[in-house]
Amino acid sequence: MNVGQVIREKRLAKNMTQQELADRVQITQSMLCQIERGSKIPTILLAWEIAKVLDFELNDYVSEKS
């Protein structure tokens, strides 16, 4: 599972739309869609902001992949 898939899964678990999450982290809905599809990779700072909004730790994802 890539980072975009994790973000999508966590967002849906929070019953949040792409637009709502995009607004909270100050990016466009289009950019978030591209991240979730895996065609764009978020910066570390953006990934951290998204994780903060969705209440998950990036470290948890990284340790799962190791």
PDB file of N, CA and C in Angstrom:
ATOM      1  N   MET A   1       0.858  -1.179   0.000  1.00  0.00           N
ATOM      2  CA  MET A   1       0.000   0.000   0.000  1.00  0.00           C
ATOM      3  C   MET A   1       0.904   1.241   0.000  1.00  0.00           C
ATOM      4  N   ASN A   2       0.648   2.167  -0.930  1.00  0.00           N
ATOM      5  CA  ASN A   2       1.457   3.381  -0.969  1.00  0.00           C
ATOM      6  C   ASN A   2       0.848   4.470  -0.071  1.00  0.00           C
ATOM      7  N   VAL A   3       1.574   5.548   0.077  1.00  0.00           N
ATOM      8  CA  VAL A   3       1.132   6.613   0.990  1.00  0.00           C
ATOM      9  C   VAL A   3      -0.213   7.199   0.565  1.00  0.00           C
ATOM     10  N   GLY A   4      -0.456   7.313  -0.716  1.00  0.00           N
ATOM     11  CA  GLY A   4      -1.737   7.826  -1.197  1.00  0.00           C
ATOM     12  C   GLY A   4      -2.906   6.936  -0.801  1.00  0.00           C
ATOM     13  N   GLN A   5      -2.690   5.642  -0.875  1.00  0.00           N
ATOM     14  CA  GLN A   5      -3.733   4.699  -0.472  1.00  0.00           C
ATOM     15  C   GLN A   5      -4.002   4.790   1.024  1.00  0.00           C
ATOM     16  N   VAL A   6      -2.947   4.968   1.805  1.00  0.00           N
ATOM     17  CA  VAL A   6      -3.110   5.117   3.257  1.00  0.00           C
ATOM     18  C   VAL A   6      -3.912   6.379   3.557  1.00  0.00           C
ATOM     19  N   ILE A   7      -3.562   7.472   2.895  1.00  0.00           N
ATOM     20  CA  ILE A   7      -4.274   8.739   3.101  1.00  0.00           C
ATOM     21  C   ILE A   7      -5.747   8.569   2.743  1.00  0.00           C
ATOM     22  N   ARG A   8      -6.027   7.945   1.617  1.00  0.00           N
ATOM     23  CA  ARG A   8      -7.424   7.743   1.197  1.00  0.00           C
ATOM     24  C   ARG A   8      -8.177   6.901   2.225  1.00  0.00           C
ATOM     25  N   GLU A   9      -7.560   5.813   2.664  1.00  0.00           N
ATOM     26  CA  GLU A   9      -8.197   4.929   3.643  1.00  0.00           C
ATOM     27  C   GLU A   9      -8.498   5.671   4.950  1.00  0.00           C
ATOM     28  N   LYS A  10      -7.536   6.432   5.437  1.00  0.00           N
ATOM     29  CA  LYS A  10      -7.717   7.181   6.688  1.00  0.00           C
ATOM     30  C   LYS A  10      -8.768   8.283   6.518  1.00  0.00           C
ATOM     31  N   ARG A  11      -8.757   8.950   5.351  1.00  0.00           N
ATOM     32  CA  ARG A  11      -9.738  10.010   5.086  1.00  0.00           C
ATOM     33  C   ARG A  11     -11.148   9.446   5.068  1.00  0.00           C
ATOM     34  N   LEU A  12     -11.326   8.329   4.386  1.00  0.00           N
ATOM     35  CA  LEU A  12     -12.651   7.718   4.314  1.00  0.00           C
ATOM     36  C   LEU A  12     -13.110   7.224   5.683  1.00  0.00           C
ATOM     37  N   ALA A  13     -12.190   6.729   6.493  1.00  0.00           N
ATOM     38  CA  ALA A  13     -12.533   6.280   7.845  1.00  0.00           C
ATOM     39  C   ALA A  13     -13.045   7.432   8.702  1.00  0.00           C
ATOM     40  N   LYS A  14     -12.613   8.644   8.385  1.00  0.00           N
ATOM     41  CA  LYS A  14     -13.065   9.850   9.095  1.00  0.00           C
ATOM     42  C   LYS A  14     -14.300  10.471   8.440  1.00  0.00           C
ATOM     43  N   ASN A  15     -14.826   9.817   7.411  1.00  0.00           N
ATOM     44  CA  ASN A  15     -15.981  10.344   6.660  1.00  0.00           C
ATOM     45  C   ASN A  15     -15.730  11.762   6.152  1.00  0.00           C
ATOM     46  N   MET A  16     -14.538  11.976   5.627  1.00  0.00           N
ATOM     47  CA  MET A  16     -14.137  13.293   5.143  1.00  0.00           C
ATOM     48  C   MET A  16     -14.023  13.247   3.618  1.00  0.00           C
ATOM     49  N   THR A  17     -14.495  14.280   2.966  1.00  0.00           N
ATOM     50  CA  THR A  17     -14.356  14.357   1.513  1.00  0.00           C
ATOM     51  C   THR A  17     -12.949  14.827   1.156  1.00  0.00           C
ATOM     52  N   GLN A  18     -12.587  14.620  -0.099  1.00  0.00           N
ATOM     53  CA  GLN A  18     -11.301  15.128  -0.566  1.00  0.00           C
ATOM     54  C   GLN A  18     -11.242  16.645  -0.401  1.00  0.00           C
ATOM     55  N   GLN A  19     -12.338  17.316  -0.717  1.00  0.00           N
ATOM     56  CA  GLN A  19     -12.354  18.771  -0.615  1.00  0.00           C
ATOM     57  C   GLN A  19     -12.145  19.233   0.821  1.00  0.00           C
ATOM     58  N   GLU A  20     -12.783  18.566   1.771  1.00  0.00           N
ATOM     59  CA  GLU A  20     -12.623  18.939   3.180  1.00  0.00           C
ATOM     60  C   GLU A  20     -11.170  18.787   3.632  1.00  0.00           C
ATOM     61  N   LEU A  21     -10.554  17.662   3.280  1.00  0.00           N
ATOM     62  CA  LEU A  21      -9.159  17.452   3.672  1.00  0.00           C
ATOM     63  C   LEU A  21      -8.242  18.437   2.966  1.00  0.00           C
ATOM     64  N   ALA A  22      -8.468  18.638   1.690  1.00  0.00           N
ATOM     65  CA  ALA A  22      -7.650  19.580   0.927  1.00  0.00           C
ATOM     66  C   ALA A  22      -7.731  20.982   1.540  1.00  0.00           C
ATOM     67  N   ASP A  23      -8.924  21.397   1.907  1.00  0.00           N
ATOM     68  CA  ASP A  23      -9.084  22.717   2.524  1.00  0.00           C
ATOM     69  C   ASP A  23      -8.321  22.807   3.841  1.00  0.00           C
ATOM     70  N   ARG A  24      -8.365  21.744   4.630  1.00  0.00           N
ATOM     71  CA  ARG A  24      -7.698  21.740   5.941  1.00  0.00           C
ATOM     72  C   ARG A  24      -6.177  21.827   5.822  1.00  0.00           C
ATOM     73  N   VAL A  25      -5.620  21.257   4.747  1.00  0.00           N
ATOM     74  CA  VAL A  25      -4.159  21.282   4.583  1.00  0.00           C
ATOM     75  C   VAL A  25      -3.707  22.285   3.519  1.00  0.00           C
ATOM     76  N   GLN A  26      -4.647  23.070   3.039  1.00  0.00           N
ATOM     77  CA  GLN A  26      -4.394  24.175   2.121  1.00  0.00           C
ATOM     78  C   GLN A  26      -3.746  23.753   0.799  1.00  0.00           C
ATOM     79  N   ILE A  27      -4.350  22.716   0.190  1.00  0.00           N
ATOM     80  CA  ILE A  27      -3.987  22.324  -1.169  1.00  0.00           C
ATOM     81  C   ILE A  27      -5.286  22.205  -1.956  1.00  0.00           C
ATOM     82  N   THR A  28      -5.170  22.026  -3.256  1.00  0.00           N
ATOM     83  CA  THR A  28      -6.377  21.862  -4.064  1.00  0.00           C
ATOM     84  C   THR A  28      -6.887  20.427  -3.957  1.00  0.00           C
ATOM     85  N   GLN A  29      -8.163  20.266  -4.227  1.00  0.00           N
ATOM     86  CA  GLN A  29      -8.756  18.927  -4.245  1.00  0.00           C
ATOM     87  C   GLN A  29      -8.095  18.095  -5.333  1.00  0.00           C
ATOM     88  N   SER A  30      -7.759  18.724  -6.435  1.00  0.00           N
ATOM     89  CA  SER A  30      -7.098  18.043  -7.543  1.00  0.00           C
ATOM     90  C   SER A  30      -5.748  17.473  -7.114  1.00  0.00           C
ATOM     91  N   MET A  31      -4.990  18.242  -6.367  1.00  0.00           N
ATOM     92  CA  MET A  31      -3.683  17.783  -5.873  1.00  0.00           C
ATOM     93  C   MET A  31      -3.866  16.593  -4.935  1.00  0.00           C
ATOM     94  N   LEU A  32      -4.848  16.668  -4.031  1.00  0.00           N
ATOM     95  CA  LEU A  32      -5.100  15.560  -3.114  1.00  0.00           C
ATOM     96  C   LEU A  32      -5.504  14.311  -3.889  1.00  0.00           C
ATOM     97  N   CYS A  33      -6.318  14.471  -4.901  1.00  0.00           N
ATOM     98  CA  CYS A  33      -6.738  13.352  -5.739  1.00  0.00           C
ATOM     99  C   CYS A  33      -5.513  12.687  -6.381  1.00  0.00           C
ATOM    100  N   GLN A  34      -4.597  13.485  -6.878  1.00  0.00           N
ATOM    101  CA  GLN A  34      -3.384  12.951  -7.498  1.00  0.00           C
ATOM    102  C   GLN A  34      -2.510  12.221  -6.478  1.00  0.00           C
ATOM    103  N   ILE A  35      -2.450  12.739  -5.258  1.00  0.00           N
ATOM    104  CA  ILE A  35      -1.692  12.075  -4.195  1.00  0.00           C
ATOM    105  C   ILE A  35      -2.328  10.728  -3.868  1.00  0.00           C
ATOM    106  N   GLU A  36      -3.640  10.704  -3.719  1.00  0.00           N
ATOM    107  CA  GLU A  36      -4.335   9.463  -3.389  1.00  0.00           C
ATOM    108  C   GLU A  36      -4.206   8.427  -4.501  1.00  0.00           C
ATOM    109  N   ARG A  37      -4.167   8.864  -5.743  1.00  0.00           N
ATOM    110  CA  ARG A  37      -4.018   7.939  -6.877  1.00  0.00           C
ATOM    111  C   ARG A  37      -2.575   7.475  -7.045  1.00  0.00           C
ATOM    112  N   GLY A  38      -1.647   8.174  -6.406  1.00  0.00           N
ATOM    113  CA  GLY A  38      -0.239   7.799  -6.507  1.00  0.00           C
ATOM    114  C   GLY A  38       0.510   8.464  -7.644  1.00  0.00           C
ATOM    115  N   SER A  39      -0.125   9.402  -8.343  1.00  0.00           N
ATOM    116  CA  SER A  39       0.570  10.082  -9.435  1.00  0.00           C
ATOM    117  C   SER A  39       1.404  11.260  -8.943  1.00  0.00           C
ATOM    118  N   LYS A  40       1.180  11.689  -7.701  1.00  0.00           N
ATOM    119  CA  LYS A  40       2.004  12.723  -7.055  1.00  0.00           C
ATOM    120  C   LYS A  40       2.387  12.210  -5.685  1.00  0.00           C
ATOM    121  N   ILE A  41       3.572  12.580  -5.240  1.00  0.00           N
ATOM    122  CA  ILE A  41       4.041  12.202  -3.915  1.00  0.00           C
ATOM    123  C   ILE A  41       4.097  13.486  -3.073  1.00  0.00           C
ATOM    124  N   PRO A  42       3.455  13.475  -1.904  1.00  0.00           N
ATOM    125  CA  PRO A  42       3.471  14.690  -1.079  1.00  0.00           C
ATOM    126  C   PRO A  42       4.857  14.924  -0.467  1.00  0.00           C
ATOM    127  N   THR A  43       5.161  16.177  -0.210  1.00  0.00           N
ATOM    128  CA  THR A  43       6.383  16.477   0.525  1.00  0.00           C
ATOM    129  C   THR A  43       6.236  15.920   1.935  1.00  0.00           C
ATOM    130  N   ILE A  44       7.334  15.801   2.640  1.00  0.00           N
ATOM    131  CA  ILE A  44       7.293  15.317   4.025  1.00  0.00           C
ATOM    132  C   ILE A  44       6.417  16.236   4.865  1.00  0.00           C
ATOM    133  N   LEU A  45       6.564  17.537   4.679  1.00  0.00           N
ATOM    134  CA  LEU A  45       5.774  18.500   5.453  1.00  0.00           C
ATOM    135  C   LEU A  45       4.282  18.334   5.168  1.00  0.00           C
ATOM    136  N   LEU A  46       3.912  18.184   3.899  1.00  0.00           N
ATOM    137  CA  LEU A  46       2.505  18.002   3.546  1.00  0.00           C
ATOM    138  C   LEU A  46       1.986  16.676   4.090  1.00  0.00           C
ATOM    139  N   ALA A  47       2.774  15.613   3.963  1.00  0.00           N
ATOM    140  CA  ALA A  47       2.358  14.308   4.494  1.00  0.00           C
ATOM    141  C   ALA A  47       2.139  14.404   5.997  1.00  0.00           C
ATOM    142  N   TRP A  48       3.002  15.129   6.690  1.00  0.00           N
ATOM    143  CA  TRP A  48       2.862  15.315   8.140  1.00  0.00           C
ATOM    144  C   TRP A  48       1.583  16.077   8.463  1.00  0.00           C
ATOM    145  N   GLU A  49       1.285  17.135   7.704  1.00  0.00           N
ATOM    146  CA  GLU A  49       0.053  17.914   7.919  1.00  0.00           C
ATOM    147  C   GLU A  49      -1.190  17.051   7.700  1.00  0.00           C
ATOM    148  N   ILE A  50      -1.177  16.257   6.640  1.00  0.00           N
ATOM    149  CA  ILE A  50      -2.307  15.378   6.350  1.00  0.00           C
ATOM    150  C   ILE A  50      -2.481  14.361   7.478  1.00  0.00           C
ATOM    151  N   ALA A  51      -1.378  13.763   7.898  1.00  0.00           N
ATOM    152  CA  ALA A  51      -1.429  12.776   8.988  1.00  0.00           C
ATOM    153  C   ALA A  51      -1.975  13.404  10.265  1.00  0.00           C
ATOM    154  N   LYS A  52      -1.577  14.634  10.527  1.00  0.00           N
ATOM    155  CA  LYS A  52      -2.056  15.339  11.725  1.00  0.00           C
ATOM    156  C   LYS A  52      -3.570  15.535  11.664  1.00  0.00           C
ATOM    157  N   VAL A  53      -4.075  15.958  10.526  1.00  0.00           N
ATOM    158  CA  VAL A  53      -5.517  16.176  10.365  1.00  0.00           C
ATOM    159  C   VAL A  53      -6.283  14.861  10.491  1.00  0.00           C
ATOM    160  N   LEU A  54      -5.706  13.789   9.970  1.00  0.00           N
ATOM    161  CA  LEU A  54      -6.392  12.492   9.971  1.00  0.00           C
ATOM    162  C   LEU A  54      -6.078  11.643  11.211  1.00  0.00           C
ATOM    163  N   ASP A  55      -5.319  12.188  12.138  1.00  0.00           N
ATOM    164  CA  ASP A  55      -4.994  11.503  13.397  1.00  0.00           C
ATOM    165  C   ASP A  55      -4.280  10.171  13.212  1.00  0.00           C
ATOM    166  N   PHE A  56      -3.228  10.180  12.409  1.00  0.00           N
ATOM    167  CA  PHE A  56      -2.385   8.990  12.354  1.00  0.00           C
ATOM    168  C   PHE A  56      -0.932   9.422  12.302  1.00  0.00           C
ATOM    169  N   GLU A  57      -0.063   8.527  12.712  1.00  0.00           N
ATOM    170  CA  GLU A  57       1.367   8.812  12.770  1.00  0.00           C
ATOM    171  C   GLU A  57       2.053   8.311  11.505  1.00  0.00           C
ATOM    172  N   LEU A  58       2.833   9.170  10.873  1.00  0.00           N
ATOM    173  CA  LEU A  58       3.604   8.741   9.710  1.00  0.00           C
ATOM    174  C   LEU A  58       4.566   7.624  10.102  1.00  0.00           C
ATOM    175  N   ASN A  59       5.086   7.675  11.314  1.00  0.00           N
ATOM    176  CA  ASN A  59       6.010   6.637  11.775  1.00  0.00           C
ATOM    177  C   ASN A  59       5.364   5.262  11.735  1.00  0.00           C
ATOM    178  N   ASP A  60       4.068   5.180  12.045  1.00  0.00           N
ATOM    179  CA  ASP A  60       3.371   3.897  12.003  1.00  0.00           C
ATOM    180  C   ASP A  60       3.386   3.331  10.581  1.00  0.00           C
ATOM    181  N   TYR A  61       3.163   4.190   9.608  1.00  0.00           N
ATOM    182  CA  TYR A  61       3.172   3.739   8.225  1.00  0.00           C
ATOM    183  C   TYR A  61       4.567   3.306   7.801  1.00  0.00           C
ATOM    184  N   VAL A  62       5.567   4.096   8.156  1.00  0.00           N
ATOM    185  CA  VAL A  62       6.944   3.790   7.781  1.00  0.00           C
ATOM    186  C   VAL A  62       7.383   2.479   8.412  1.00  0.00           C
ATOM    187  N   SER A  63       7.059   2.268   9.684  1.00  0.00           N
ATOM    188  CA  SER A  63       7.486   1.037  10.350  1.00  0.00           C
ATOM    189  C   SER A  63       6.776  -0.188   9.776  1.00  0.00           C
ATOM    190  N   GLU A  64       5.554  -0.021   9.256  1.00  0.00           N
ATOM    191  CA  GLU A  64       4.851  -1.131   8.614  1.00  0.00           C
ATOM    192  C   GLU A  64       5.569  -1.559   7.343  1.00  0.00           C
ATOM    193  N   LYS A  65       6.189  -0.619   6.650  1.00  0.00           N
ATOM    194  CA  LYS A  65       6.831  -0.907   5.371  1.00  0.00           C
ATOM    195  C   LYS A  65       8.231  -1.485   5.559  1.00  0.00           C
ATOM    196  N   SER A  66       8.832  -1.323   6.737  1.00  0.00           N
ATOM    197  CA  SER A  66      10.213  -1.790   6.975  1.00  0.00           C
ATOM    198  C   SER A  66      10.276  -3.285   7.144  1.00  0.00           C
TER     199      SER A  66
END
